[in-house]
Amino acid sequence: MFLVGKEGTVQFDMPVPKYLSSVGSEGAQGGTIAPMAGTIEKVFVKAGDRVKAGEALMVMIAMKMEHTIRAPKDGTIKKVFFKEGSQASRHVPLVEFE
């Protein structure tokens, strides 16, 4: 972040929270996280499934819009934390990878 004023410019870093440090709203280390609070509309995977990076894992309805949650990497699903119709809070884990 830069702060510009009459006396000059100052640059300082802001640490990224751990839950956002890997892949942003599409995922985190070892899994995926909810980008915002919403309802899980559809779940496409179950524990033990092999997925490719970018593959749709589930659809979440938030703010009257559909958000497709995609795999951040190739891997095997270890656990799915929500089922269809469940409410998920912002930044909670949705899927865990092995």
C-alpha atoms as a PDB file:
ATOM      1  CA  MET A   1       0.000   0.000   0.000  1.00  0.00           C
ATOM      2  CA  PHE A   2       1.234   3.502  -0.786  1.00  0.00           C
ATOM      3  CA  LEU A   3       0.425   6.657   1.137  1.00  0.00           C
ATOM      4  CA  VAL A   4       1.146   9.841  -0.796  1.00  0.00           C
ATOM      5  CA  GLY A   5       1.336  13.231   0.910  1.00  0.00           C
ATOM      6  CA  LYS A   6       3.059  16.614   0.777  1.00  0.00           C
ATOM      7  CA  GLU A   7       6.113  15.250   2.572  1.00  0.00           C
ATOM      8  CA  GLY A   8       6.566  12.338   0.165  1.00  0.00           C
ATOM      9  CA  THR A   9       5.422   8.787  -0.372  1.00  0.00           C
ATOM     10  CA  VAL A  10       5.443   5.964   2.152  1.00  0.00           C
ATOM     11  CA  GLN A  11       5.078   2.308   1.207  1.00  0.00           C
ATOM     12  CA  PHE A  12       4.068  -0.382   3.675  1.00  0.00           C
ATOM     13  CA  ASP A  13       2.956  -3.984   3.406  1.00  0.00           C
ATOM     14  CA  MET A  14      -0.254  -5.432   4.753  1.00  0.00           C
ATOM     15  CA  PRO A  15      -0.173  -9.143   5.628  1.00  0.00           C
ATOM     16  CA  VAL A  16      -2.665 -11.388   3.844  1.00  0.00           C
ATOM     17  CA  PRO A  17      -4.818 -13.483   6.215  1.00  0.00           C
ATOM     18  CA  LYS A  18      -4.039 -17.224   6.109  1.00  0.00           C
ATOM     19  CA  TYR A  19      -7.491 -18.086   4.773  1.00  0.00           C
ATOM     20  CA  LEU A  20      -6.799 -15.905   1.704  1.00  0.00           C
ATOM     21  CA  SER A  21      -3.093 -16.553   1.255  1.00  0.00           C
ATOM     22  CA  SER A  22      -3.160 -19.324  -1.345  1.00  0.00           C
ATOM     23  CA  VAL A  23      -5.751 -18.965  -4.057  1.00  0.00           C
ATOM     24  CA  GLY A  24      -7.985 -16.131  -2.959  1.00  0.00           C
ATOM     25  CA  SER A  25     -11.732 -16.662  -2.987  1.00  0.00           C
ATOM     26  CA  GLU A  26     -11.491 -19.809  -5.091  1.00  0.00           C
ATOM     27  CA  GLY A  27      -9.496 -21.758  -2.568  1.00  0.00           C
ATOM     28  CA  ALA A  28      -7.011 -22.039   0.205  1.00  0.00           C
ATOM     29  CA  GLN A  29      -4.222 -24.428   1.013  1.00  0.00           C
ATOM     30  CA  GLY A  30      -5.703 -27.903   1.186  1.00  0.00           C
ATOM     31  CA  GLY A  31      -9.188 -26.976  -0.019  1.00  0.00           C
ATOM     32  CA  THR A  32     -11.668 -24.295  -0.994  1.00  0.00           C
ATOM     33  CA  ILE A  33     -13.347 -21.564   1.034  1.00  0.00           C
ATOM     34  CA  ALA A  34     -16.645 -19.730   0.710  1.00  0.00           C
ATOM     35  CA  PRO A  35     -16.075 -16.318  -0.906  1.00  0.00           C
ATOM     36  CA  MET A  36     -19.193 -14.964   0.858  1.00  0.00           C
ATOM     37  CA  ALA A  37     -22.154 -16.159   2.909  1.00  0.00           C
ATOM     38  CA  GLY A  38     -24.752 -18.075   0.919  1.00  0.00           C
ATOM     39  CA  THR A  39     -26.719 -21.250   0.285  1.00  0.00           C
ATOM     40  CA  ILE A  40     -25.151 -24.337  -1.250  1.00  0.00           C
ATOM     41  CA  GLU A  41     -27.367 -24.983  -4.276  1.00  0.00           C
ATOM     42  CA  LYS A  42     -25.655 -28.006  -5.854  1.00  0.00           C
ATOM     43  CA  VAL A  43     -22.742 -30.275  -4.865  1.00  0.00           C
ATOM     44  CA  PHE A  44     -20.975 -32.102  -7.705  1.00  0.00           C
ATOM     45  CA  VAL A  45     -18.333 -34.050  -5.719  1.00  0.00           C
ATOM     46  CA  LYS A  46     -18.033 -36.440  -2.794  1.00  0.00           C
ATOM     47  CA  ALA A  47     -15.172 -37.763  -0.663  1.00  0.00           C
ATOM     48  CA  GLY A  48     -12.803 -39.885  -2.727  1.00  0.00           C
ATOM     49  CA  ASP A  49     -13.511 -38.173  -6.062  1.00  0.00           C
ATOM     50  CA  ARG A  50     -10.520 -37.141  -8.190  1.00  0.00           C
ATOM     51  CA  VAL A  51     -10.805 -33.647  -9.662  1.00  0.00           C
ATOM     52  CA  LYS A  52      -8.800 -31.467 -12.015  1.00  0.00           C
ATOM     53  CA  ALA A  53      -7.911 -27.814 -11.428  1.00  0.00           C
ATOM     54  CA  GLY A  54     -10.820 -25.605 -12.491  1.00  0.00           C
ATOM     55  CA  GLU A  55     -13.437 -28.363 -12.260  1.00  0.00           C
ATOM     56  CA  ALA A  56     -16.755 -27.302 -10.677  1.00  0.00           C
ATOM     57  CA  LEU A  57     -17.109 -28.604  -7.115  1.00  0.00           C
ATOM     58  CA  MET A  58     -20.359 -26.912  -6.102  1.00  0.00           C
ATOM     59  CA  VAL A  59     -22.671 -23.996  -6.833  1.00  0.00           C
ATOM     60  CA  MET A  60     -23.399 -21.414  -4.159  1.00  0.00           C
ATOM     61  CA  ILE A  61     -26.239 -18.867  -4.259  1.00  0.00           C
ATOM     62  CA  ALA A  62     -25.273 -15.534  -2.711  1.00  0.00           C
ATOM     63  CA  MET A  63     -26.657 -12.053  -3.296  1.00  0.00           C
ATOM     64  CA  LYS A  64     -29.199 -13.557  -5.764  1.00  0.00           C
ATOM     65  CA  MET A  65     -26.369 -14.814  -7.988  1.00  0.00           C
ATOM     66  CA  GLU A  66     -24.888 -18.248  -8.664  1.00  0.00           C
ATOM     67  CA  HIS A  67     -21.210 -18.664  -7.818  1.00  0.00           C
ATOM     68  CA  THR A  68     -19.453 -21.790  -9.069  1.00  0.00           C
ATOM     69  CA  ILE A  69     -16.815 -22.989  -6.625  1.00  0.00           C
ATOM     70  CA  ARG A  70     -13.981 -24.587  -8.611  1.00  0.00           C
ATOM     71  CA  ALA A  71     -11.067 -26.830  -7.680  1.00  0.00           C
ATOM     72  CA  PRO A  72      -7.913 -24.760  -7.138  1.00  0.00           C
ATOM     73  CA  LYS A  73      -5.681 -27.722  -8.090  1.00  0.00           C
ATOM     74  CA  ASP A  74      -5.710 -31.339  -9.226  1.00  0.00           C
ATOM     75  CA  GLY A  75      -6.339 -33.727  -6.361  1.00  0.00           C
ATOM     76  CA  THR A  76      -8.602 -36.067  -4.433  1.00  0.00           C
ATOM     77  CA  ILE A  77     -11.503 -34.814  -2.327  1.00  0.00           C
ATOM     78  CA  LYS A  78     -10.966 -35.714   1.329  1.00  0.00           C
ATOM     79  CA  LYS A  79     -14.140 -34.163   2.758  1.00  0.00           C
ATOM     80  CA  VAL A  80     -17.133 -32.079   1.627  1.00  0.00           C
ATOM     81  CA  PHE A  81     -18.290 -29.923   4.547  1.00  0.00           C
ATOM     82  CA  PHE A  82     -21.731 -28.883   3.224  1.00  0.00           C
ATOM     83  CA  LYS A  83     -24.657 -30.580   1.517  1.00  0.00           C
ATOM     84  CA  GLU A  84     -27.235 -29.086  -0.811  1.00  0.00           C
ATOM     85  CA  GLY A  85     -29.500 -26.567   0.918  1.00  0.00           C
ATOM     86  CA  SER A  86     -26.975 -25.803   3.685  1.00  0.00           C
ATOM     87  CA  GLN A  87     -26.045 -22.250   4.652  1.00  0.00           C
ATOM     88  CA  ALA A  88     -22.334 -21.408   4.531  1.00  0.00           C
ATOM     89  CA  SER A  89     -20.731 -18.393   6.183  1.00  0.00           C
ATOM     90  CA  ARG A  90     -18.041 -16.277   4.559  1.00  0.00           C
ATOM     91  CA  HIS A  91     -14.510 -17.772   4.572  1.00  0.00           C
ATOM     92  CA  VAL A  92     -15.506 -21.199   5.925  1.00  0.00           C
ATOM     93  CA  PRO A  93     -13.955 -24.309   4.343  1.00  0.00           C
ATOM     94  CA  LEU A  94     -16.251 -25.935   1.774  1.00  0.00           C
ATOM     95  CA  VAL A  95     -14.117 -28.829   0.511  1.00  0.00           C
ATOM     96  CA  GLU A  96     -10.880 -30.364   1.798  1.00  0.00           C
ATOM     97  CA  PHE A  97      -8.311 -32.056  -0.435  1.00  0.00           C
ATOM     98  CA  GLU A  98      -6.027 -34.960   0.545  1.00  0.00           C
END
